[in-house]
C-alpha cells in the first residue's frame, strides 16, 4: 500500500523510520507502508491529574494496619511514632498519607505533636 499524497496525512515524530501516518498506518519517506499497526500515540487529556486509584495500595494498607495497632488505646508522640515506623520498615510519607485517610487526630501537647486514633 502506498501513501496517497492527495489525501490528508500526518507527520510522525520520534519513530525510527516512519515519516507519515495516514488511516492508522505508518509510511516511510518514499510513501511505502511500513506498518499495518496503529501508530503509538497517547490520547490527549484535558487534565494532567492522575486518575484516582480504585484500590488502596498494599503499602497504604500496611500503614493503616500499623497505625491501628500502634495507636490503639493511647496517643503517641510523632517522634516515637516515626521511630516505630522506621523499626517496622515503613515509609514515613506513606504512614502520613494513611493517617489522612483514617480517623487520626493530631494535636499539640506542650512541644510535642501527638497522634491519636479516634475510635467511632
Protein backbone atom coordinates (compact mmCIF):
# COMPACT_ATOMS: atom_id res chain seq x y z
CA UNK A 1 0.00 0.00 0.00
CA UNK A 2 1.31 3.46 -0.90
CA UNK A 3 0.70 6.78 0.78
CA UNK A 4 -1.97 8.82 -1.03
CA UNK A 5 -0.35 12.26 -1.26
CA UNK A 6 -3.68 13.82 -2.34
CA UNK A 7 -5.36 12.94 0.98
CA UNK A 8 -4.67 14.39 4.45
CA UNK A 9 -1.73 12.82 6.23
CA UNK A 10 0.14 13.40 9.46
CA UNK A 11 3.83 13.69 10.08
CA UNK A 12 5.31 11.26 12.59
CA UNK A 13 7.99 12.40 15.02
CA UNK A 14 10.11 10.15 17.22
CA UNK A 15 9.60 6.94 15.24
CA UNK A 16 12.75 5.29 13.90
CA UNK A 17 11.68 5.03 10.26
CA UNK A 18 8.11 6.31 9.87
CA UNK A 19 7.69 9.78 8.39
CA UNK A 20 3.95 9.88 7.67
CA UNK A 21 0.76 8.42 9.11
CA UNK A 22 -2.48 8.01 7.22
CA UNK A 23 -5.58 5.99 8.18
CA UNK A 24 -3.73 4.45 11.13
CA UNK A 25 -0.86 3.13 9.01
CA UNK A 26 2.78 4.24 9.07
CA UNK A 27 4.70 5.16 5.90
CA UNK A 28 8.38 5.84 5.19
CA UNK A 29 9.71 8.89 3.32
CA UNK A 30 9.06 7.24 -0.08
CA UNK A 31 5.39 6.67 0.80
CA UNK A 32 5.74 2.89 1.29
CA UNK A 33 3.67 1.35 4.08
CA UNK A 34 5.96 0.04 6.82
CA UNK A 35 3.34 -0.97 9.38
CA UNK A 36 -0.28 -2.01 9.46
CA UNK A 37 -0.34 -1.31 13.21
CA UNK A 38 -1.85 1.74 14.83
CA UNK A 39 0.69 4.47 15.49
CA UNK A 40 1.87 4.74 19.07
CA UNK A 41 0.12 7.84 20.30
CA UNK A 42 -1.18 8.79 23.70
CA UNK A 43 -4.61 10.36 23.91
CA UNK A 44 -4.50 13.99 24.91
CA UNK A 45 -6.29 14.59 28.17
CA UNK A 46 -7.61 17.88 29.42
CA UNK A 47 -6.34 17.22 32.92
CA UNK A 48 -2.83 16.27 33.92
CA UNK A 49 -4.09 14.79 37.19
CA UNK A 50 -3.77 11.03 37.50
CA UNK A 51 -6.94 9.01 37.75
CA UNK A 52 -7.83 8.07 41.32
CA UNK A 53 -6.86 4.55 42.26
CA UNK A 54 -9.72 2.09 42.56
CA UNK A 55 -7.95 0.01 45.17
CA UNK A 56 -5.92 1.02 48.19
CA UNK A 57 -2.24 0.27 47.52
CA UNK A 58 -0.67 -2.50 49.58
CA UNK A 59 1.73 -0.04 51.23
CA UNK A 60 -1.20 2.06 52.37
CA UNK A 61 -2.97 -1.00 53.79
CA UNK A 62 0.19 -1.95 55.69
CA UNK A 63 0.50 1.59 57.03
CA UNK A 64 -3.14 1.68 58.10
CA UNK A 65 -2.72 -1.61 59.92
CA UNK A 66 0.47 -0.31 61.56
CA UNK A 67 -1.28 2.87 62.72
CA UNK A 68 -4.32 0.99 64.02
CA UNK A 69 -2.12 -1.39 66.04
CA UNK A 70 0.33 1.26 67.26
CA UNK A 71 -2.21 3.90 68.24
CA UNK A 72 -4.85 1.54 69.62
CA UNK A 73 -5.84 2.71 73.07
CA UNK A 74 -3.32 5.55 73.53
CA UNK A 75 -1.93 8.64 71.86
CA UNK A 76 1.71 8.68 70.80
CA UNK A 77 4.13 11.46 70.04
CA UNK A 78 5.06 11.93 66.41
CA UNK A 79 8.73 11.37 67.30
CA UNK A 80 8.03 7.95 68.84
CA UNK A 81 5.66 7.07 66.02
CA UNK A 82 8.34 7.97 63.46
CA UNK A 83 10.84 5.69 65.26
CA UNK A 84 8.27 2.85 65.35
CA UNK A 85 7.65 3.43 61.63
CA UNK A 86 11.38 3.06 60.90
CA UNK A 87 11.55 -0.10 63.05
CA UNK A 88 8.65 -1.55 61.04
CA UNK A 89 10.44 -0.68 57.75
CA UNK A 90 7.60 1.56 56.58
CA UNK A 91 7.88 4.77 54.59
CA UNK A 92 7.03 7.79 56.75
CA UNK A 93 5.28 9.58 53.88
CA UNK A 94 3.08 6.50 53.31
CA UNK A 95 2.24 6.44 57.03
CA UNK A 96 1.26 10.13 56.99
CA UNK A 97 -0.89 9.58 53.90
CA UNK A 98 -2.58 6.60 55.54
CA UNK A 99 -3.24 8.72 58.64
CA UNK A 100 -5.03 11.26 56.45
CA UNK A 101 -7.37 8.50 55.27
CA UNK A 102 -8.02 7.28 58.80
CA UNK A 103 -9.73 8.93 61.75
CA UNK A 104 -6.49 10.09 63.40
CA UNK A 105 -6.39 13.32 65.35
CA UNK A 106 -3.12 15.25 65.50
CA UNK A 107 -2.73 17.82 68.27
CA UNK A 108 -0.04 19.66 70.20
CA UNK A 109 0.77 18.73 73.78
CA UNK A 110 3.50 21.02 75.06
CA UNK A 111 6.20 20.92 72.39
CA UNK A 112 5.20 17.51 71.02
CA UNK A 113 2.78 16.69 68.23
CA UNK A 114 0.56 13.84 69.36
CA UNK A 115 -1.31 11.34 67.17
CA UNK A 116 -4.43 9.65 68.45
CA UNK A 117 -6.69 7.13 66.74
CA UNK A 118 -10.25 8.25 67.27
CA UNK A 119 -12.49 5.20 67.64
CA UNK A 120 -16.04 5.82 66.46
